[in-house]
């Protein structure tokens, strides 16, 4: 097949969205001819990689918006500027895709990044099969936990209201009505897009594993349990729930390591002192990506308390290192993490979560055999998410979608609609 991958950030050896765009392109190019439209922020990394590992089936078109109103500077956290920049970029990316289609007649266009429903891509206008995702953004912060937000409450309330109104957005309607397949990273997004008129929506994890898995050493005989929490210290991430649960936990040999930094660090360190947990909680600060594997393998389980997340790539990284997950039973965790590799706590109220998570900590600490079985299940799940497997699955989805696409498609690449058979 001839495939066009569209993703704003793209670079090898990177995590999150840049790594996802790159990995889709790289692994799909093993069996397909692939073109990539991306922003040149990481072009040097791509050029260096391809110089060492040439790939004749992989081609890049670097797109930069041509607007004097684009004030975004790559590498800087400019929230408003980057949103404006992306609007200009996606329009220019479509123009380049239309030109490329006339040259090579690709079969599928797949928009992979940025993975948000807030700005639906326009590539359904091309006379080919259009795939979008995996995409998230339909999940909202549970209102019962609003007290954790403090000064961020107003901002989060506005976001939740915007999500509720999204099914009525005309641009989203048009994209979904014409896209042949939309992949989503949680049930909340799936339900929202189905209400907005999507023809075919399927769950698909929005992250993968690049490296081969290393089986960790068994630690069933050790009495002390080391739990790891990793992420940005923000109100939506819910670290306070884990700390309060640990304070209630009666299994005294549990220790919690916190890796990450952010606006909530001072608040969380103060809460740790007030709960008299300073001898059981260690704040590691920001840990370099290359050091995370060793940290994962020094621990027994991963704690994930985010109250609004599509999924959380750090969870998959932890599971690929054999860590079971103690988490909340909603959003991406509910959709993907298998029961045998996790303990999932219902999400009803802060008090309920704290009490149930304390019981989960106790249950995990008191059963060495269960810990070992959960570790094996975590590895088995992560094995399914290795990028070679994900590319194979995507190839099958492409083939099924192309086979199921019948009738005629409208061609607008020249600016004047015509028709061609699918």
Foldseek 3Di string as FASTA:
>chain_A
DEEEEEAAAAAPPDDDRNNLSPLLQVLLLVPAQYEYEYACLHVVRVVVVCVVPPRPSYYYDHFFFDDPLQPDDPPDPDPVNVVVRVVRRLVRSLLVVLVVCVVPVGAEYEYEPPQELPDQHDNLQAFHAYEYDQHELLDAFDPQLLVLQVVCNVVRVVSNVVSVCVLVDPVLLVRQQRHLEYEYQWVSRVVSSVSSPHPYYYYDHSGADADQFDAFDQDLVDQAAEEEEEDEPHSQFPVVLVLLLQLVAPSPRYAYEYAEYYDCPVVVVVSCVVSVNPVRYHYPYHDDPVCVLVVLSVGQAYETEGRDDQADVVLLVSLSSLHAYEYACHHNCVVAPDPLQYHHQYDDHSVRSSNVSSVVVNVCSVDSVSSNRNSVSSNVSNVCRHSSNVSVVVVVVSVVSNVPDFDWRWHCSVPDTDIDTD
